[in-house]
mmCIF file of all heavy atoms, coordinates in Angstrom:
data_MODEL
# 
_entry.id   MODEL 
# 
loop_
_atom_site.group_PDB 
_atom_site.id 
_atom_site.type_symbol 
_atom_site.label_atom_id 
_atom_site.label_alt_id 
_atom_site.label_comp_id 
_atom_site.label_asym_id 
_atom_site.label_entity_id 
_atom_site.label_seq_id 
_atom_site.pdbx_PDB_ins_code 
_atom_site.Cartn_x 
_atom_site.Cartn_y 
_atom_site.Cartn_z 
_atom_site.occupancy 
_atom_site.B_iso_or_equiv 
_atom_site.pdbx_formal_charge 
_atom_site.auth_seq_id 
_atom_site.auth_comp_id 
_atom_site.auth_asym_id 
_atom_site.auth_atom_id 
_atom_site.pdbx_PDB_model_num 
ATOM 1   N N   . ALA A 1 1  ? 120.997 146.285 105.126 1.00 0.00 ? 1  ALA A N   1 
ATOM 2   C CA  . ALA A 1 1  ? 119.709 145.706 104.710 1.00 0.00 ? 1  ALA A CA  1 
ATOM 3   C C   . ALA A 1 1  ? 118.901 146.706 103.889 1.00 0.00 ? 1  ALA A C   1 
ATOM 4   O O   . ALA A 1 1  ? 118.290 146.347 102.875 1.00 0.00 ? 1  ALA A O   1 
ATOM 5   C CB  . ALA A 1 1  ? 118.919 145.273 105.946 1.00 0.00 ? 1  ALA A CB  1 
ATOM 6   N N   . LEU A 1 2  ? 118.906 147.969 104.332 1.00 0.00 ? 2  LEU A N   1 
ATOM 7   C CA  . LEU A 1 2  ? 118.183 149.007 103.595 1.00 0.00 ? 2  LEU A CA  1 
ATOM 8   C C   . LEU A 1 2  ? 118.785 149.200 102.208 1.00 0.00 ? 2  LEU A C   1 
ATOM 9   O O   . LEU A 1 2  ? 118.056 149.339 101.211 1.00 0.00 ? 2  LEU A O   1 
ATOM 10  C CB  . LEU A 1 2  ? 118.226 150.320 104.384 1.00 0.00 ? 2  LEU A CB  1 
ATOM 11  C CG  . LEU A 1 2  ? 117.444 151.491 103.788 1.00 0.00 ? 2  LEU A CG  1 
ATOM 12  C CD1 . LEU A 1 2  ? 115.964 151.165 103.740 1.00 0.00 ? 2  LEU A CD1 1 
ATOM 13  C CD2 . LEU A 1 2  ? 117.664 152.758 104.621 1.00 0.00 ? 2  LEU A CD2 1 
ATOM 14  N N   . TYR A 1 3  ? 120.111 149.209 102.138 1.00 0.00 ? 3  TYR A N   1 
ATOM 15  C CA  . TYR A 1 3  ? 120.793 149.383 100.850 1.00 0.00 ? 3  TYR A CA  1 
ATOM 16  C C   . TYR A 1 3  ? 120.425 148.261 99.881  1.00 0.00 ? 3  TYR A C   1 
ATOM 17  O O   . TYR A 1 3  ? 120.058 148.510 98.723  1.00 0.00 ? 3  TYR A O   1 
ATOM 18  C CB  . TYR A 1 3  ? 122.302 149.421 101.075 1.00 0.00 ? 3  TYR A CB  1 
ATOM 19  C CG  . TYR A 1 3  ? 123.123 149.288 99.819  1.00 0.00 ? 3  TYR A CG  1 
ATOM 20  C CD1 . TYR A 1 3  ? 123.331 150.380 98.984  1.00 0.00 ? 3  TYR A CD1 1 
ATOM 21  C CD2 . TYR A 1 3  ? 123.685 148.067 99.459  1.00 0.00 ? 3  TYR A CD2 1 
ATOM 22  C CE1 . TYR A 1 3  ? 124.075 150.256 97.821  1.00 0.00 ? 3  TYR A CE1 1 
ATOM 23  C CE2 . TYR A 1 3  ? 124.437 147.935 98.304  1.00 0.00 ? 3  TYR A CE2 1 
ATOM 24  C CZ  . TYR A 1 3  ? 124.628 149.028 97.492  1.00 0.00 ? 3  TYR A CZ  1 
ATOM 25  O OH  . TYR A 1 3  ? 125.360 148.894 96.343  1.00 0.00 ? 3  TYR A OH  1 
ATOM 26  N N   . HIS A 1 4  ? 120.508 147.017 100.337 1.00 0.00 ? 4  HIS A N   1 
ATOM 27  C CA  . HIS A 1 4  ? 120.223 145.892 99.450  1.00 0.00 ? 4  HIS A CA  1 
ATOM 28  C C   . HIS A 1 4  ? 118.753 145.848 99.048  1.00 0.00 ? 4  HIS A C   1 
ATOM 29  O O   . HIS A 1 4  ? 118.430 145.445 97.925  1.00 0.00 ? 4  HIS A O   1 
ATOM 30  C CB  . HIS A 1 4  ? 120.630 144.577 100.111 1.00 0.00 ? 4  HIS A CB  1 
ATOM 31  C CG  . HIS A 1 4  ? 122.104 144.309 100.043 1.00 0.00 ? 4  HIS A CG  1 
ATOM 32  N ND1 . HIS A 1 4  ? 122.986 144.714 101.026 1.00 0.00 ? 4  HIS A ND1 1 
ATOM 33  C CD2 . HIS A 1 4  ? 122.865 143.715 99.091  1.00 0.00 ? 4  HIS A CD2 1 
ATOM 34  C CE1 . HIS A 1 4  ? 124.214 144.365 100.692 1.00 0.00 ? 4  HIS A CE1 1 
ATOM 35  N NE2 . HIS A 1 4  ? 124.170 143.762 99.522  1.00 0.00 ? 4  HIS A NE2 1 
ATOM 36  N N   . ALA A 1 5  ? 117.867 146.264 99.950  1.00 0.00 ? 5  ALA A N   1 
ATOM 37  C CA  . ALA A 1 5  ? 116.448 146.322 99.586  1.00 0.00 ? 5  ALA A CA  1 
ATOM 38  C C   . ALA A 1 5  ? 116.214 147.351 98.484  1.00 0.00 ? 5  ALA A C   1 
ATOM 39  O O   . ALA A 1 5  ? 115.469 147.099 97.523  1.00 0.00 ? 5  ALA A O   1 
ATOM 40  C CB  . ALA A 1 5  ? 115.601 146.656 100.817 1.00 0.00 ? 5  ALA A CB  1 
ATOM 41  N N   . ALA A 1 6  ? 116.865 148.514 98.627  1.00 0.00 ? 6  ALA A N   1 
ATOM 42  C CA  . ALA A 1 6  ? 116.720 149.551 97.611  1.00 0.00 ? 6  ALA A CA  1 
ATOM 43  C C   . ALA A 1 6  ? 117.334 149.115 96.283  1.00 0.00 ? 6  ALA A C   1 
ATOM 44  O O   . ALA A 1 6  ? 116.759 149.331 95.212  1.00 0.00 ? 6  ALA A O   1 
ATOM 45  C CB  . ALA A 1 6  ? 117.368 150.845 98.097  1.00 0.00 ? 6  ALA A CB  1 
ATOM 46  N N   . VAL A 1 7  ? 118.514 148.488 96.348  1.00 0.00 ? 7  VAL A N   1 
ATOM 47  C CA  . VAL A 1 7  ? 119.184 148.024 95.130  1.00 0.00 ? 7  VAL A CA  1 
ATOM 48  C C   . VAL A 1 7  ? 118.360 146.956 94.432  1.00 0.00 ? 7  VAL A C   1 
ATOM 49  O O   . VAL A 1 7  ? 118.237 146.940 93.203  1.00 0.00 ? 7  VAL A O   1 
ATOM 50  C CB  . VAL A 1 7  ? 120.594 147.501 95.465  1.00 0.00 ? 7  VAL A CB  1 
ATOM 51  C CG1 . VAL A 1 7  ? 121.172 146.707 94.309  1.00 0.00 ? 7  VAL A CG1 1 
ATOM 52  C CG2 . VAL A 1 7  ? 121.518 148.651 95.816  1.00 0.00 ? 7  VAL A CG2 1 
ATOM 53  N N   . GLU A 1 8  ? 117.786 146.061 95.210  1.00 0.00 ? 8  GLU A N   1 
ATOM 54  C CA  . GLU A 1 8  ? 116.966 145.005 94.626  1.00 0.00 ? 8  GLU A CA  1 
ATOM 55  C C   . GLU A 1 8  ? 115.738 145.585 93.929  1.00 0.00 ? 8  GLU A C   1 
ATOM 56  O O   . GLU A 1 8  ? 115.323 145.101 92.868  1.00 0.00 ? 8  GLU A O   1 
ATOM 57  C CB  . GLU A 1 8  ? 116.535 144.022 95.718  1.00 0.00 ? 8  GLU A CB  1 
ATOM 58  C CG  . GLU A 1 8  ? 115.848 142.772 95.188  1.00 0.00 ? 8  GLU A CG  1 
ATOM 59  C CD  . GLU A 1 8  ? 116.753 141.947 94.277  1.00 0.00 ? 8  GLU A CD  1 
ATOM 60  O OE1 . GLU A 1 8  ? 117.970 141.976 94.482  1.00 0.00 ? 8  GLU A OE1 1 
ATOM 61  O OE2 . GLU A 1 8  ? 116.215 141.294 93.357  1.00 0.00 ? 8  GLU A OE2 1 
ATOM 62  N N   . ARG A 1 9  ? 115.198 146.629 94.500  1.00 0.00 ? 9  ARG A N   1 
ATOM 63  C CA  . ARG A 1 9  ? 114.041 147.282 93.874  1.00 0.00 ? 9  ARG A CA  1 
ATOM 64  C C   . ARG A 1 9  ? 114.449 147.920 92.542  1.00 0.00 ? 9  ARG A C   1 
ATOM 65  O O   . ARG A 1 9  ? 113.713 147.840 91.558  1.00 0.00 ? 9  ARG A O   1 
ATOM 66  C CB  . ARG A 1 9  ? 113.461 148.337 94.808  1.00 0.00 ? 9  ARG A CB  1 
ATOM 67  C CG  . ARG A 1 9  ? 112.163 148.952 94.291  1.00 0.00 ? 9  ARG A CG  1 
ATOM 68  C CD  . ARG A 1 9  ? 111.546 149.862 95.337  1.00 0.00 ? 9  ARG A CD  1 
ATOM 69  N NE  . ARG A 1 9  ? 110.293 150.427 94.872  1.00 0.00 ? 9  ARG A NE  1 
ATOM 70  C CZ  . ARG A 1 9  ? 109.121 149.832 94.951  1.00 0.00 ? 9  ARG A CZ  1 
ATOM 71  N NH1 . ARG A 1 9  ? 109.044 148.618 95.488  1.00 0.00 ? 9  ARG A NH1 1 
ATOM 72  N NH2 . ARG A 1 9  ? 108.020 150.406 94.506  1.00 0.00 ? 9  ARG A NH2 1 
ATOM 73  N N   . VAL A 1 10 ? 115.629 148.536 92.528  1.00 0.00 ? 10 VAL A N   1 
ATOM 74  C CA  . VAL A 1 10 ? 116.129 149.111 91.276  1.00 0.00 ? 10 VAL A CA  1 
ATOM 75  C C   . VAL A 1 10 ? 116.363 148.011 90.254  1.00 0.00 ? 10 VAL A C   1 
ATOM 76  O O   . VAL A 1 10 ? 116.054 148.169 89.059  1.00 0.00 ? 10 VAL A O   1 
ATOM 77  C CB  . VAL A 1 10 ? 117.436 149.892 91.533  1.00 0.00 ? 10 VAL A CB  1 
ATOM 78  C CG1 . VAL A 1 10 ? 118.075 150.329 90.219  1.00 0.00 ? 10 VAL A CG1 1 
ATOM 79  C CG2 . VAL A 1 10 ? 117.164 151.118 92.400  1.00 0.00 ? 10 VAL A CG2 1 
ATOM 80  N N   . GLY A 1 11 ? 116.892 146.881 90.708  1.00 0.00 ? 11 GLY A N   1 
ATOM 81  C CA  . GLY A 1 11 ? 117.210 145.786 89.801  1.00 0.00 ? 11 GLY A CA  1 
ATOM 82  C C   . GLY A 1 11 ? 115.995 145.146 89.164  1.00 0.00 ? 11 GLY A C   1 
ATOM 83  O O   . GLY A 1 11 ? 116.118 144.470 88.136  1.00 0.00 ? 11 GLY A O   1 
ATOM 84  N N   . GLN A 1 12 ? 114.813 145.343 89.742  1.00 0.00 ? 12 GLN A N   1 
ATOM 85  C CA  . GLN A 1 12 ? 113.609 144.752 89.171  1.00 0.00 ? 12 GLN A CA  1 
ATOM 86  C C   . GLN A 1 12 ? 113.294 145.316 87.790  1.00 0.00 ? 12 GLN A C   1 
ATOM 87  O O   . GLN A 1 12 ? 112.624 144.676 86.980  1.00 0.00 ? 12 GLN A O   1 
ATOM 88  C CB  . GLN A 1 12 ? 112.420 144.978 90.113  1.00 0.00 ? 12 GLN A CB  1 
ATOM 89  C CG  . GLN A 1 12 ? 112.523 144.193 91.408  1.00 0.00 ? 12 GLN A CG  1 
ATOM 90  C CD  . GLN A 1 12 ? 111.406 144.521 92.388  1.00 0.00 ? 12 GLN A CD  1 
ATOM 91  O OE1 . GLN A 1 12 ? 110.536 145.364 92.103  1.00 0.00 ? 12 GLN A OE1 1 
ATOM 92  N NE2 . GLN A 1 12 ? 111.421 143.882 93.542  1.00 0.00 ? 12 GLN A NE2 1 
ATOM 93  N N   . GLY A 1 13 ? 113.810 146.523 87.523  1.00 0.00 ? 13 GLY A N   1 
ATOM 94  C CA  . GLY A 1 13 ? 113.584 147.113 86.207  1.00 0.00 ? 13 GLY A CA  1 
ATOM 95  C C   . GLY A 1 13 ? 114.281 146.345 85.100  1.00 0.00 ? 13 GLY A C   1 
ATOM 96  O O   . GLY A 1 13 ? 113.966 146.540 83.919  1.00 0.00 ? 13 GLY A O   1 
ATOM 97  N N   . ASN A 1 14 ? 115.230 145.470 85.450  1.00 0.00 ? 14 ASN A N   1 
ATOM 98  C CA  . ASN A 1 14 ? 115.946 144.693 84.441  1.00 0.00 ? 14 ASN A CA  1 
ATOM 99  C C   . ASN A 1 14 ? 115.009 143.771 83.670  1.00 0.00 ? 14 ASN A C   1 
ATOM 100 O O   . ASN A 1 14 ? 115.262 143.457 82.504  1.00 0.00 ? 14 ASN A O   1 
ATOM 101 C CB  . ASN A 1 14 ? 117.047 143.875 85.120  1.00 0.00 ? 14 ASN A CB  1 
ATOM 102 C CG  . ASN A 1 14 ? 117.854 143.039 84.147  1.00 0.00 ? 14 ASN A CG  1 
ATOM 103 O OD1 . ASN A 1 14 ? 118.544 143.581 83.303  1.00 0.00 ? 14 ASN A OD1 1 
ATOM 104 N ND2 . ASN A 1 14 ? 117.757 141.717 84.266  1.00 0.00 ? 14 ASN A ND2 1 
ATOM 105 N N   . ALA A 1 15 ? 113.944 143.322 84.320  1.00 0.00 ? 15 ALA A N   1 
ATOM 106 C CA  . ALA A 1 15 ? 113.020 142.387 83.678  1.00 0.00 ? 15 ALA A CA  1 
ATOM 107 C C   . ALA A 1 15 ? 111.937 143.091 82.865  1.00 0.00 ? 15 ALA A C   1 
ATOM 108 O O   . ALA A 1 15 ? 111.159 142.423 82.172  1.00 0.00 ? 15 ALA A O   1 
ATOM 109 C CB  . ALA A 1 15 ? 112.371 141.504 84.746  1.00 0.00 ? 15 ALA A CB  1 
ATOM 110 N N   . ALA A 1 16 ? 111.871 144.415 82.931  1.00 0.00 ? 16 ALA A N   1 
ATOM 111 C CA  . ALA A 1 16 ? 110.814 145.147 82.233  1.00 0.00 ? 16 ALA A CA  1 
ATOM 112 C C   . ALA A 1 16 ? 110.906 144.944 80.724  1.00 0.00 ? 16 ALA A C   1 
ATOM 113 O O   . ALA A 1 16 ? 111.979 145.015 80.128  1.00 0.00 ? 16 ALA A O   1 
ATOM 114 C CB  . ALA A 1 16 ? 110.904 146.636 82.561  1.00 0.00 ? 16 ALA A CB  1 
ATOM 115 N N   . ILE A 1 17 ? 109.766 144.667 80.094  1.00 0.00 ? 17 ILE A N   1 
ATOM 116 C CA  . ILE A 1 17 ? 109.684 144.498 78.644  1.00 0.00 ? 17 ILE A CA  1 
ATOM 117 C C   . ILE A 1 17 ? 109.315 145.843 78.026  1.00 0.00 ? 17 ILE A C   1 
ATOM 118 O O   . ILE A 1 17 ? 108.261 146.402 78.316  1.00 0.00 ? 17 ILE A O   1 
ATOM 119 C CB  . ILE A 1 17 ? 108.639 143.441 78.261  1.00 0.00 ? 17 ILE A CB  1 
ATOM 120 C CG1 . ILE A 1 17 ? 108.942 142.108 78.947  1.00 0.00 ? 17 ILE A CG1 1 
ATOM 121 C CG2 . ILE A 1 17 ? 108.594 143.281 76.747  1.00 0.00 ? 17 ILE A CG2 1 
ATOM 122 C CD1 . ILE A 1 17 ? 110.212 141.455 78.501  1.00 0.00 ? 17 ILE A CD1 1 
ATOM 123 N N   . GLU A 1 18 ? 110.193 146.370 77.182  1.00 0.00 ? 18 GLU A N   1 
ATOM 124 C CA  . GLU A 1 18 ? 109.963 147.656 76.541  1.00 0.00 ? 18 GLU A CA  1 
ATOM 125 C C   . GLU A 1 18 ? 109.234 147.464 75.221  1.00 0.00 ? 18 GLU A C   1 
ATOM 126 O O   . GLU A 1 18 ? 109.451 146.473 74.505  1.00 0.00 ? 18 GLU A O   1 
ATOM 127 C CB  . GLU A 1 18 ? 111.292 148.370 76.312  1.00 0.00 ? 18 GLU A CB  1 
ATOM 128 C CG  . GLU A 1 18 ? 112.034 148.654 77.609  1.00 0.00 ? 18 GLU A CG  1 
ATOM 129 C CD  . GLU A 1 18 ? 113.492 149.012 77.375  1.00 0.00 ? 18 GLU A CD  1 
ATOM 130 O OE1 . GLU A 1 18 ? 114.173 148.268 76.678  1.00 0.00 ? 18 GLU A OE1 1 
ATOM 131 O OE2 . GLU A 1 18 ? 113.936 150.059 77.908  1.00 0.00 ? 18 GLU A OE2 1 
ATOM 132 N N   . ALA A 1 19 ? 108.374 148.424 74.895  1.00 0.00 ? 19 ALA A N   1 
ATOM 133 C CA  . ALA A 1 19 ? 107.528 148.300 73.715  1.00 0.00 ? 19 ALA A CA  1 
ATOM 134 C C   . ALA A 1 19 ? 108.335 148.118 72.436  1.00 0.00 ? 19 ALA A C   1 
ATOM 135 O O   . ALA A 1 19 ? 107.947 147.373 71.540  1.00 0.00 ? 19 ALA A O   1 
ATOM 136 C CB  . ALA A 1 19 ? 106.634 149.537 73.593  1.00 0.00 ? 19 ALA A CB  1 
ATOM 137 N N   . GLY A 1 20 ? 109.474 148.791 72.336  1.00 0.00 ? 20 GLY A N   1 
ATOM 138 C CA  . GLY A 1 20 ? 110.279 148.686 71.123  1.00 0.00 ? 20 GLY A CA  1 
ATOM 139 C C   . GLY A 1 20 ? 111.154 147.450 71.068  1.00 0.00 ? 20 GLY A C   1 
ATOM 140 O O   . GLY A 1 20 ? 111.797 147.183 70.036  1.00 0.00 ? 20 GLY A O   1 
ATOM 141 N N   . TYR A 1 21 ? 111.193 146.694 72.171  1.00 0.00 ? 21 TYR A N   1 
ATOM 142 C CA  . TYR A 1 21 ? 112.070 145.526 72.241  1.00 0.00 ? 21 TYR A CA  1 
ATOM 143 C C   . TYR A 1 21 ? 111.326 144.352 72.875  1.00 0.00 ? 21 TYR A C   1 
ATOM 144 O O   . TYR A 1 21 ? 111.822 143.711 73.805  1.00 0.00 ? 21 TYR A O   1 
ATOM 145 C CB  . TYR A 1 21 ? 113.323 145.857 73.050  1.00 0.00 ? 21 TYR A CB  1 
ATOM 146 C CG  . TYR A 1 21 ? 114.168 146.944 72.422  1.00 0.00 ? 21 TYR A CG  1 
ATOM 147 C CD1 . TYR A 1 21 ? 113.966 148.283 72.750  1.00 0.00 ? 21 TYR A CD1 1 
ATOM 148 C CD2 . TYR A 1 21 ? 115.153 146.639 71.493  1.00 0.00 ? 21 TYR A CD2 1 
ATOM 149 C CE1 . TYR A 1 21 ? 114.731 149.289 72.163  1.00 0.00 ? 21 TYR A CE1 1 
ATOM 150 C CE2 . TYR A 1 21 ? 115.920 147.628 70.901  1.00 0.00 ? 21 TYR A CE2 1 
ATOM 151 C CZ  . TYR A 1 21 ? 115.695 148.944 71.246  1.00 0.00 ? 21 TYR A CZ  1 
ATOM 152 O OH  . TYR A 1 21 ? 116.451 149.931 70.655  1.00 0.00 ? 21 TYR A OH  1 
ATOM 153 N N   . ASP A 1 22 ? 110.135 144.078 72.360  1.00 0.00 ? 22 ASP A N   1 
ATOM 154 C CA  . ASP A 1 22 ? 109.295 143.039 72.953  1.00 0.00 ? 22 ASP A CA  1 
ATOM 155 C C   . ASP A 1 22 ? 109.156 141.801 72.082  1.00 0.00 ? 22 ASP A C   1 
ATOM 156 O O   . ASP A 1 22 ? 108.404 140.886 72.419  1.00 0.00 ? 22 ASP A O   1 
ATOM 157 C CB  . ASP A 1 22 ? 107.905 143.604 73.254  1.00 0.00 ? 22 ASP A CB  1 
ATOM 158 C CG  . ASP A 1 22 ? 107.239 144.213 72.017  1.00 0.00 ? 22 ASP A CG  1 
ATOM 159 O OD1 . ASP A 1 22 ? 107.929 144.362 70.982  1.00 0.00 ? 22 ASP A OD1 1 
ATOM 160 O OD2 . ASP A 1 22 ? 106.054 144.548 72.097  1.00 0.00 ? 22 ASP A OD2 1 
ATOM 161 N N   . ARG A 1 23 ? 109.857 141.757 70.958  1.00 0.00 ? 23 ARG A N   1 
ATOM 162 C CA  . ARG A 1 23 ? 109.774 140.608 70.067  1.00 0.00 ? 23 ARG A CA  1 
ATOM 163 C C   . ARG A 1 23 ? 111.137 139.939 69.930  1.00 0.00 ? 23 ARG A C   1 
ATOM 164 O O   . ARG A 1 23 ? 112.142 140.613 69.695  1.00 0.00 ? 23 ARG A O   1 
ATOM 165 C CB  . ARG A 1 23 ? 109.268 141.028 68.681  1.00 0.00 ? 23 ARG A CB  1 
ATOM 166 C CG  . ARG A 1 23 ? 107.842 141.558 68.685  1.00 0.00 ? 23 ARG A CG  1 
ATOM 167 C CD  . ARG A 1 23 ? 107.389 141.860 67.271  1.00 0.00 ? 23 ARG A CD  1 
ATOM 168 N NE  . ARG A 1 23 ? 106.035 142.369 67.254  1.00 0.00 ? 23 ARG A NE  1 
ATOM 169 C CZ  . ARG A 1 23 ? 105.369 142.716 66.145  1.00 0.00 ? 23 ARG A CZ  1 
ATOM 170 N NH1 . ARG A 1 23 ? 105.974 142.595 64.966  1.00 0.00 ? 23 ARG A NH1 1 
ATOM 171 N NH2 . ARG A 1 23 ? 104.138 143.166 66.223  1.00 0.00 ? 23 ARG A NH2 1 
ATOM 172 N N   . ALA A 1 24 ? 111.133 138.620 70.058  1.00 0.00 ? 24 ALA A N   1 
ATOM 173 C CA  . ALA A 1 24 ? 112.386 137.873 69.910  1.00 0.00 ? 24 ALA A CA  1 
ATOM 174 C C   . ALA A 1 24 ? 112.899 137.994 68.480  1.00 0.00 ? 24 ALA A C   1 
ATOM 175 O O   . ALA A 1 24 ? 112.107 138.000 67.529  1.00 0.00 ? 24 ALA A O   1 
ATOM 176 C CB  . ALA A 1 24 ? 112.177 136.416 70.278  1.00 0.00 ? 24 ALA A CB  1 
ATOM 177 N N   . PRO A 1 25 ? 114.200 138.127 68.295  1.00 0.00 ? 25 PRO A N   1 
ATOM 178 C CA  . PRO A 1 25 ? 114.747 138.254 66.942  1.00 0.00 ? 25 PRO A CA  1 
ATOM 179 C C   . PRO A 1 25 ? 114.537 136.972 66.134  1.00 0.00 ? 25 PRO A C   1 
ATOM 180 O O   . PRO A 1 25 ? 114.432 135.870 66.686  1.00 0.00 ? 25 PRO A O   1 
ATOM 181 C CB  . PRO A 1 25 ? 116.231 138.534 67.178  1.00 0.00 ? 25 PRO A CB  1 
ATOM 182 C CG  . PRO A 1 25 ? 116.513 138.005 68.539  1.00 0.00 ? 25 PRO A CG  1 
ATOM 183 C CD  . PRO A 1 25 ? 115.249 138.181 69.325  1.00 0.00 ? 25 PRO A CD  1 
ATOM 184 N N   . SER A 1 26 ? 114.467 137.131 64.823  1.00 0.00 ? 26 SER A N   1 
ATOM 185 C CA  . SER A 1 26 ? 114.255 135.978 63.936  1.00 0.00 ? 26 SER A CA  1 
ATOM 186 C C   . SER A 1 26 ? 115.562 135.407 63.410  1.00 0.00 ? 26 SER A C   1 
ATOM 187 O O   . SER A 1 26 ? 115.571 134.353 62.788  1.00 0.00 ? 26 SER A O   1 
ATOM 188 C CB  . SER A 1 26 ? 113.372 136.389 62.753  1.00 0.00 ? 26 SER A CB  1 
ATOM 189 O OG  . SER A 1 26 ? 113.965 137.473 62.032  1.00 0.00 ? 26 SER A OG  1 
ATOM 190 N N   . ARG A 1 27 ? 116.679 136.079 63.650  1.00 0.00 ? 27 ARG A N   1 
ATOM 191 C CA  . ARG A 1 27 ? 117.968 135.600 63.157  1.00 0.00 ? 27 ARG A CA  1 
ATOM 192 C C   . ARG A 1 27 ? 118.533 134.521 64.077  1.00 0.00 ? 27 ARG A C   1 
ATOM 193 O O   . ARG A 1 27 ? 118.547 134.681 65.307  1.00 0.00 ? 27 ARG A O   1 
ATOM 194 C CB  . ARG A 1 27 ? 118.984 136.736 63.082  1.00 0.00 ? 27 ARG A CB  1 
ATOM 195 C CG  . ARG A 1 27 ? 118.640 137.835 62.108  1.00 0.00 ? 27 ARG A CG  1 
ATOM 196 C CD  . ARG A 1 27 ? 119.854 138.751 62.013  1.00 0.00 ? 27 ARG A CD  1 
ATOM 197 N NE  . ARG A 1 27 ? 119.548 140.001 61.351  1.00 0.00 ? 27 ARG A NE  1 
ATOM 198 C CZ  . ARG A 1 27 ? 120.447 140.948 61.121  1.00 0.00 ? 27 ARG A CZ  1 
ATOM 199 N NH1 . ARG A 1 27 ? 121.702 140.782 61.522  1.00 0.00 ? 27 ARG A NH1 1 
ATOM 200 N NH2 . ARG A 1 27 ? 120.109 142.059 60.516  1.00 0.00 ? 27 ARG A NH2 1 
ATOM 201 N N   . PRO A 1 28 ? 119.068 133.464 63.540  1.00 0.00 ? 28 PRO A N   1 
ATOM 202 C CA  . PRO A 1 28 ? 119.721 132.446 64.384  1.00 0.00 ? 28 PRO A CA  1 
ATOM 203 C C   . PRO A 1 28 ? 121.107 132.871 64.845  1.00 0.00 ? 28 PRO A C   1 
ATOM 204 O O   . PRO A 1 28 ? 121.694 132.211 65.706  1.00 0.00 ? 28 PRO A O   1 
ATOM 205 C CB  . PRO A 1 28 ? 119.798 131.236 63.450  1.00 0.00 ? 28 PRO A CB  1 
ATOM 206 C CG  . PRO A 1 28 ? 119.857 131.821 62.072  1.00 0.00 ? 28 PRO A CG  1 
ATOM 207 C CD  . PRO A 1 28 ? 119.006 133.066 62.120  1.00 0.00 ? 28 PRO A CD  1 
# 
């Protein structure tokens, strides 16, 4: 349980929006 809680906390960084990559591309 402790391991999965820690891993889940690390995984939350996946949703972070970075300043250099915050705009959707214009190419189809």
